[in-house]
Amino acid sequence: MAEKGADAYFIRQTLQHALHRLMEMDVEALYQAAYGERSEERTNSRNGYRDRAYEIRAGKAWSRSARPRKR
């Protein structure tokens, strides 16, 4: 089990960054557009973010995932 302290903080931060990037890539593939890209043909868009918590051995890790919205 990871020690609490600097190592746990590093693990949480690394995991949070990786989760955020993976979710962004998934959303970009779903919307077929990068963040901020506009298109009249698309029927969906982002509707802000929601925070998600993940319990890991090093503590709780947080990630923000985009919320989809249909037009």
PDB file of N, CA and C in Angstrom:
ATOM      1  N   MET A   1       0.843  -1.183   0.000  1.00  0.00           N
ATOM      2  CA  MET A   1       0.000   0.000   0.000  1.00  0.00           C
ATOM      3  C   MET A   1       0.886   1.243   0.000  1.00  0.00           C
ATOM      4  N   ALA A   2       0.497   2.243  -0.736  1.00  0.00           N
ATOM      5  CA  ALA A   2       1.299   3.457  -0.846  1.00  0.00           C
ATOM      6  C   ALA A   2       1.331   4.199   0.484  1.00  0.00           C
ATOM      7  N   GLU A   3       2.482   4.755   0.799  1.00  0.00           N
ATOM      8  CA  GLU A   3       2.620   5.562   2.011  1.00  0.00           C
ATOM      9  C   GLU A   3       1.818   6.844   1.841  1.00  0.00           C
ATOM     10  N   LYS A   4       1.227   7.294   2.924  1.00  0.00           N
ATOM     11  CA  LYS A   4       0.547   8.590   2.896  1.00  0.00           C
ATOM     12  C   LYS A   4       1.624   9.662   2.893  1.00  0.00           C
ATOM     13  N   GLY A   5       1.394  10.747   2.222  1.00  0.00           N
ATOM     14  CA  GLY A   5       2.366  11.828   2.186  1.00  0.00           C
ATOM     15  C   GLY A   5       2.680  12.205   0.755  1.00  0.00           C
ATOM     16  N   ALA A   6       3.947  12.525   0.511  1.00  0.00           N
ATOM     17  CA  ALA A   6       4.364  13.018  -0.796  1.00  0.00           C
ATOM     18  C   ALA A   6       4.150  11.984  -1.896  1.00  0.00           C
ATOM     19  N   ASP A   7       4.436  10.713  -1.614  1.00  0.00           N
ATOM     20  CA  ASP A   7       4.240   9.670  -2.624  1.00  0.00           C
ATOM     21  C   ASP A   7       2.766   9.525  -2.985  1.00  0.00           C
ATOM     22  N   ALA A   8       1.904   9.529  -1.981  1.00  0.00           N
ATOM     23  CA  ALA A   8       0.467   9.405  -2.223  1.00  0.00           C
ATOM     24  C   ALA A   8      -0.047  10.604  -3.013  1.00  0.00           C
ATOM     25  N   TYR A   9       0.451  11.790  -2.668  1.00  0.00           N
ATOM     26  CA  TYR A   9       0.050  13.003  -3.392  1.00  0.00           C
ATOM     27  C   TYR A   9       0.451  12.895  -4.861  1.00  0.00           C
ATOM     28  N   PHE A  10       1.679  12.460  -5.122  1.00  0.00           N
ATOM     29  CA  PHE A  10       2.161  12.311  -6.494  1.00  0.00           C
ATOM     30  C   PHE A  10       1.312  11.302  -7.266  1.00  0.00           C
ATOM     31  N   ILE A  11       0.995  10.174  -6.630  1.00  0.00           N
ATOM     32  CA  ILE A  11       0.175   9.146  -7.282  1.00  0.00           C
ATOM     33  C   ILE A  11      -1.210   9.696  -7.614  1.00  0.00           C
ATOM     34  N   ARG A  12      -1.828  10.391  -6.650  1.00  0.00           N
ATOM     35  CA  ARG A  12      -3.162  10.967  -6.890  1.00  0.00           C
ATOM     36  C   ARG A  12      -3.134  11.981  -8.022  1.00  0.00           C
ATOM     37  N   GLN A  13      -2.145  12.874  -8.021  1.00  0.00           N
ATOM     38  CA  GLN A  13      -2.063  13.899  -9.054  1.00  0.00           C
ATOM     39  C   GLN A  13      -1.841  13.286 -10.432  1.00  0.00           C
ATOM     40  N   THR A  14      -0.980  12.282 -10.509  1.00  0.00           N
ATOM     41  CA  THR A  14      -0.714  11.607 -11.780  1.00  0.00           C
ATOM     42  C   THR A  14      -1.963  10.907 -12.289  1.00  0.00           C
ATOM     43  N   LEU A  15      -2.654  10.205 -11.405  1.00  0.00           N
ATOM     44  CA  LEU A  15      -3.882   9.518 -11.789  1.00  0.00           C
ATOM     45  C   LEU A  15      -4.961  10.509 -12.217  1.00  0.00           C
ATOM     46  N   GLN A  16      -5.110  11.609 -11.482  1.00  0.00           N
ATOM     47  CA  GLN A  16      -6.106  12.623 -11.842  1.00  0.00           C
ATOM     48  C   GLN A  16      -5.836  13.191 -13.231  1.00  0.00           C
ATOM     49  N   HIS A  17      -4.577  13.477 -13.511  1.00  0.00           N
ATOM     50  CA  HIS A  17      -4.220  14.013 -14.828  1.00  0.00           C
ATOM     51  C   HIS A  17      -4.514  12.991 -15.927  1.00  0.00           C
ATOM     52  N   ALA A  18      -4.140  11.733 -15.691  1.00  0.00           N
ATOM     53  CA  ALA A  18      -4.377  10.683 -16.691  1.00  0.00           C
ATOM     54  C   ALA A  18      -5.872  10.459 -16.913  1.00  0.00           C
ATOM     55  N   LEU A  19      -6.659  10.408 -15.840  1.00  0.00           N
ATOM     56  CA  LEU A  19      -8.108  10.235 -15.976  1.00  0.00           C
ATOM     57  C   LEU A  19      -8.732  11.387 -16.752  1.00  0.00           C
ATOM     58  N   HIS A  20      -8.325  12.608 -16.415  1.00  0.00           N
ATOM     59  CA  HIS A  20      -8.878  13.778 -17.103  1.00  0.00           C
ATOM     60  C   HIS A  20      -8.563  13.728 -18.595  1.00  0.00           C
ATOM     61  N   ARG A  21      -7.335  13.405 -18.932  1.00  0.00           N
ATOM     62  CA  ARG A  21      -6.940  13.367 -20.348  1.00  0.00           C
ATOM     63  C   ARG A  21      -7.673  12.256 -21.096  1.00  0.00           C
ATOM     64  N   LEU A  22      -7.811  11.077 -20.475  1.00  0.00           N
ATOM     65  CA  LEU A  22      -8.540   9.975 -21.116  1.00  0.00           C
ATOM     66  C   LEU A  22     -10.006  10.342 -21.343  1.00  0.00           C
ATOM     67  N   MET A  23     -10.624  10.990 -20.370  1.00  0.00           N
ATOM     68  CA  MET A  23     -12.021  11.394 -20.526  1.00  0.00           C
ATOM     69  C   MET A  23     -12.173  12.462 -21.602  1.00  0.00           C
ATOM     70  N   GLU A  24     -11.218  13.392 -21.673  1.00  0.00           N
ATOM     71  CA  GLU A  24     -11.260  14.412 -22.721  1.00  0.00           C
ATOM     72  C   GLU A  24     -11.154  13.770 -24.102  1.00  0.00           C
ATOM     73  N   MET A  25     -10.264  12.796 -24.249  1.00  0.00           N
ATOM     74  CA  MET A  25     -10.109  12.115 -25.531  1.00  0.00           C
ATOM     75  C   MET A  25     -11.380  11.358 -25.894  1.00  0.00           C
ATOM     76  N   ASP A  26     -12.019  10.742 -24.909  1.00  0.00           N
ATOM     77  CA  ASP A  26     -13.268  10.017 -25.139  1.00  0.00           C
ATOM     78  C   ASP A  26     -14.380  10.972 -25.579  1.00  0.00           C
ATOM     79  N   VAL A  27     -14.483  12.112 -24.928  1.00  0.00           N
ATOM     80  CA  VAL A  27     -15.513  13.098 -25.274  1.00  0.00           C
ATOM     81  C   VAL A  27     -15.249  13.677 -26.662  1.00  0.00           C
ATOM     82  N   GLU A  28     -13.993  13.967 -26.978  1.00  0.00           N
ATOM     83  CA  GLU A  28     -13.662  14.482 -28.306  1.00  0.00           C
ATOM     84  C   GLU A  28     -14.041  13.479 -29.390  1.00  0.00           C
ATOM     85  N   ALA A  29     -13.829  12.192 -29.136  1.00  0.00           N
ATOM     86  CA  ALA A  29     -14.214  11.159 -30.106  1.00  0.00           C
ATOM     87  C   ALA A  29     -15.733  11.067 -30.217  1.00  0.00           C
ATOM     88  N   LEU A  30     -16.428  11.166 -29.094  1.00  0.00           N
ATOM     89  CA  LEU A  30     -17.886  11.111 -29.094  1.00  0.00           C
ATOM     90  C   LEU A  30     -18.485  12.282 -29.866  1.00  0.00           C
ATOM     91  N   TYR A  31     -17.970  13.484 -29.626  1.00  0.00           N
ATOM     92  CA  TYR A  31     -18.504  14.690 -30.280  1.00  0.00           C
ATOM     93  C   TYR A  31     -17.908  14.913 -31.664  1.00  0.00           C
ATOM     94  N   GLN A  32     -16.847  14.199 -31.969  1.00  0.00           N
ATOM     95  CA  GLN A  32     -16.113  14.351 -33.227  1.00  0.00           C
ATOM     96  C   GLN A  32     -15.637  15.786 -33.404  1.00  0.00           C
ATOM     97  N   ALA A  33     -15.194  16.377 -32.292  1.00  0.00           N
ATOM     98  CA  ALA A  33     -14.673  17.741 -32.308  1.00  0.00           C
ATOM     99  C   ALA A  33     -13.853  17.981 -31.047  1.00  0.00           C
ATOM    100  N   ALA A  34     -12.846  18.818 -31.177  1.00  0.00           N
ATOM    101  CA  ALA A  34     -12.036  19.187 -30.023  1.00  0.00           C
ATOM    102  C   ALA A  34     -12.772  20.223 -29.180  1.00  0.00           C
ATOM    103  N   TYR A  35     -12.286  20.466 -27.976  1.00  0.00           N
ATOM    104  CA  TYR A  35     -12.889  21.448 -27.083  1.00  0.00           C
ATOM    105  C   TYR A  35     -12.898  22.824 -27.755  1.00  0.00           C
ATOM    106  N   GLY A  36     -14.035  23.482 -27.771  1.00  0.00           N
ATOM    107  CA  GLY A  36     -14.162  24.820 -28.337  1.00  0.00           C
ATOM    108  C   GLY A  36     -14.404  24.856 -29.834  1.00  0.00           C
ATOM    109  N   GLU A  37     -14.312  23.738 -30.507  1.00  0.00           N
ATOM    110  CA  GLU A  37     -14.521  23.686 -31.954  1.00  0.00           C
ATOM    111  C   GLU A  37     -16.014  23.794 -32.260  1.00  0.00           C
ATOM    112  N   ARG A  38     -16.382  24.659 -33.189  1.00  0.00           N
ATOM    113  CA  ARG A  38     -17.782  24.891 -33.535  1.00  0.00           C
ATOM    114  C   ARG A  38     -18.118  24.255 -34.882  1.00  0.00           C
ATOM    115  N   SER A  39     -19.358  23.758 -34.991  1.00  0.00           N
ATOM    116  CA  SER A  39     -19.832  23.185 -36.242  1.00  0.00           C
ATOM    117  C   SER A  39     -21.353  23.190 -36.236  1.00  0.00           C
ATOM    118  N   GLU A  40     -21.960  23.586 -37.325  1.00  0.00           N
ATOM    119  CA  GLU A  40     -23.421  23.600 -37.437  1.00  0.00           C
ATOM    120  C   GLU A  40     -23.983  22.198 -37.651  1.00  0.00           C
ATOM    121  N   GLU A  41     -23.170  21.266 -38.155  1.00  0.00           N
ATOM    122  CA  GLU A  41     -23.648  19.911 -38.433  1.00  0.00           C
ATOM    123  C   GLU A  41     -23.821  19.073 -37.165  1.00  0.00           C
ATOM    124  N   ARG A  42     -23.064  19.377 -36.126  1.00  0.00           N
ATOM    125  CA  ARG A  42     -23.144  18.581 -34.894  1.00  0.00           C
ATOM    126  C   ARG A  42     -24.453  18.836 -34.168  1.00  0.00           C
ATOM    127  N   THR A  43     -24.980  17.788 -33.541  1.00  0.00           N
ATOM    128  CA  THR A  43     -26.238  17.926 -32.804  1.00  0.00           C
ATOM    129  C   THR A  43     -26.033  17.871 -31.298  1.00  0.00           C
ATOM    130  N   ASN A  44     -24.787  17.781 -30.844  1.00  0.00           N
ATOM    131  CA  ASN A  44     -24.539  17.773 -29.407  1.00  0.00           C
ATOM    132  C   ASN A  44     -23.391  18.712 -29.068  1.00  0.00           C
ATOM    133  N   SER A  45     -23.269  19.049 -27.803  1.00  0.00           N
ATOM    134  CA  SER A  45     -22.202  19.928 -27.346  1.00  0.00           C
ATOM    135  C   SER A  45     -21.922  19.646 -25.879  1.00  0.00           C
ATOM    136  N   ARG A  46     -20.912  20.307 -25.341  1.00  0.00           N
ATOM    137  CA  ARG A  46     -20.587  20.141 -23.926  1.00  0.00           C
ATOM    138  C   ARG A  46     -21.511  21.018 -23.090  1.00  0.00           C
ATOM    139  N   ASN A  47     -21.809  20.539 -21.904  1.00  0.00           N
ATOM    140  CA  ASN A  47     -22.679  21.275 -20.992  1.00  0.00           C
ATOM    141  C   ASN A  47     -21.996  21.369 -19.633  1.00  0.00           C
ATOM    142  N   GLY A  48     -20.796  21.919 -19.604  1.00  0.00           N
ATOM    143  CA  GLY A  48     -20.057  22.032 -18.356  1.00  0.00           C
ATOM    144  C   GLY A  48     -19.389  20.728 -17.954  1.00  0.00           C
ATOM    145  N   TYR A  49     -19.020  20.648 -16.705  1.00  0.00           N
ATOM    146  CA  TYR A  49     -18.322  19.484 -16.173  1.00  0.00           C
ATOM    147  C   TYR A  49     -19.011  18.996 -14.913  1.00  0.00           C
ATOM    148  N   ARG A  50     -18.739  17.760 -14.553  1.00  0.00           N
ATOM    149  CA  ARG A  50     -19.153  17.248 -13.251  1.00  0.00           C
ATOM    150  C   ARG A  50     -17.930  16.612 -12.609  1.00  0.00           C
ATOM    151  N   ASP A  51     -17.832  16.768 -11.310  1.00  0.00           N
ATOM    152  CA  ASP A  51     -16.715  16.191 -10.571  1.00  0.00           C
ATOM    153  C   ASP A  51     -17.021  14.746 -10.226  1.00  0.00           C
ATOM    154  N   ARG A  52     -16.010  13.906 -10.365  1.00  0.00           N
ATOM    155  CA  ARG A  52     -16.153  12.485 -10.034  1.00  0.00           C
ATOM    156  C   ARG A  52     -15.019  12.115  -9.086  1.00  0.00           C
ATOM    157  N   ALA A  53     -15.344  11.352  -8.074  1.00  0.00           N
ATOM    158  CA  ALA A  53     -14.340  10.899  -7.104  1.00  0.00           C
ATOM    159  C   ALA A  53     -14.055   9.418  -7.319  1.00  0.00           C
ATOM    160  N   TYR A  54     -12.796   9.063  -7.203  1.00  0.00           N
ATOM    161  CA  TYR A  54     -12.358   7.675  -7.311  1.00  0.00           C
ATOM    162  C   TYR A  54     -11.551   7.341  -6.064  1.00  0.00           C
ATOM    163  N   GLU A  55     -11.900   6.261  -5.421  1.00  0.00           N
ATOM    164  CA  GLU A  55     -11.178   5.831  -4.222  1.00  0.00           C
ATOM    165  C   GLU A  55     -10.053   4.896  -4.647  1.00  0.00           C
ATOM    166  N   ILE A  56      -8.820   5.293  -4.328  1.00  0.00           N
ATOM    167  CA  ILE A  56      -7.649   4.478  -4.641  1.00  0.00           C
ATOM    168  C   ILE A  56      -6.865   4.252  -3.352  1.00  0.00           C
ATOM    169  N   ARG A  57      -5.868   3.406  -3.396  1.00  0.00           N
ATOM    170  CA  ARG A  57      -5.083   3.114  -2.188  1.00  0.00           C
ATOM    171  C   ARG A  57      -4.395   4.350  -1.632  1.00  0.00           C
ATOM    172  N   ALA A  58      -4.028   5.270  -2.495  1.00  0.00           N
ATOM    173  CA  ALA A  58      -3.321   6.474  -2.061  1.00  0.00           C
ATOM    174  C   ALA A  58      -4.277   7.552  -1.571  1.00  0.00           C
ATOM    175  N   GLY A  59      -5.565   7.260  -1.526  1.00  0.00           N
ATOM    176  CA  GLY A  59      -6.562   8.242  -1.086  1.00  0.00           C
ATOM    177  C   GLY A  59      -7.605   8.460  -2.163  1.00  0.00           C
ATOM    178  N   LYS A  60      -8.298   9.562  -2.076  1.00  0.00           N
ATOM    179  CA  LYS A  60      -9.357   9.870  -3.035  1.00  0.00           C
ATOM    180  C   LYS A  60      -8.789  10.719  -4.173  1.00  0.00           C
ATOM    181  N   ALA A  61      -9.050  10.316  -5.406  1.00  0.00           N
ATOM    182  CA  ALA A  61      -8.620  11.064  -6.587  1.00  0.00           C
ATOM    183  C   ALA A  61      -9.857  11.666  -7.240  1.00  0.00           C
ATOM    184  N   TRP A  62      -9.743  12.898  -7.706  1.00  0.00           N
ATOM    185  CA  TRP A  62     -10.862  13.599  -8.336  1.00  0.00           C
ATOM    186  C   TRP A  62     -10.578  13.809  -9.810  1.00  0.00           C
ATOM    187  N   SER A  63     -11.624  13.770 -10.593  1.00  0.00           N
ATOM    188  CA  SER A  63     -11.515  14.044 -12.019  1.00  0.00           C
ATOM    189  C   SER A  63     -12.757  14.806 -12.449  1.00  0.00           C
ATOM    190  N   ARG A  64     -12.623  15.603 -13.489  1.00  0.00           N
ATOM    191  CA  ARG A  64     -13.760  16.337 -14.033  1.00  0.00           C
ATOM    192  C   ARG A  64     -14.095  15.740 -15.387  1.00  0.00           C
ATOM    193  N   SER A  65     -15.348  15.373 -15.581  1.00  0.00           N
ATOM    194  CA  SER A  65     -15.763  14.818 -16.865  1.00  0.00           C
ATOM    195  C   SER A  65     -16.802  15.738 -17.493  1.00  0.00           C
ATOM    196  N   ALA A  66     -16.739  15.856 -18.806  1.00  0.00           N
ATOM    197  CA  ALA A  66     -17.656  16.733 -19.536  1.00  0.00           C
ATOM    198  C   ALA A  66     -19.057  16.149 -19.546  1.00  0.00           C
ATOM    199  N   ARG A  67     -20.040  17.029 -19.472  1.00  0.00           N
ATOM    200  CA  ARG A  67     -21.444  16.615 -19.571  1.00  0.00           C
ATOM    201  C   ARG A  67     -21.923  16.899 -20.987  1.00  0.00           C
ATOM    202  N   PRO A  68     -22.489  15.903 -21.653  1.00  0.00           N
ATOM    203  CA  PRO A  68     -23.008  16.134 -23.009  1.00  0.00           C
ATOM    204  C   PRO A  68     -24.364  16.831 -22.985  1.00  0.00           C
ATOM    205  N   ARG A  69     -24.667  17.556 -24.055  1.00  0.00           N
ATOM    206  CA  ARG A  69     -25.965  18.204 -24.206  1.00  0.00           C
ATOM    207  C   ARG A  69     -26.380  18.079 -25.665  1.00  0.00           C
ATOM    208  N   LYS A  70     -27.601  17.647 -25.886  1.00  0.00           N
ATOM    209  CA  LYS A  70     -28.152  17.590 -27.247  1.00  0.00           C
ATOM    210  C   LYS A  70     -28.744  18.942 -27.586  1.00  0.00           C
ATOM    211  N   ARG A  71     -28.582  19.371 -28.818  1.00  0.00           N
ATOM    212  CA  ARG A  71     -29.195  20.626 -29.274  1.00  0.00           C
ATOM    213  C   ARG A  71     -30.531  20.352 -29.869  1.00  0.00           C
TER     214      ARG A  71
END
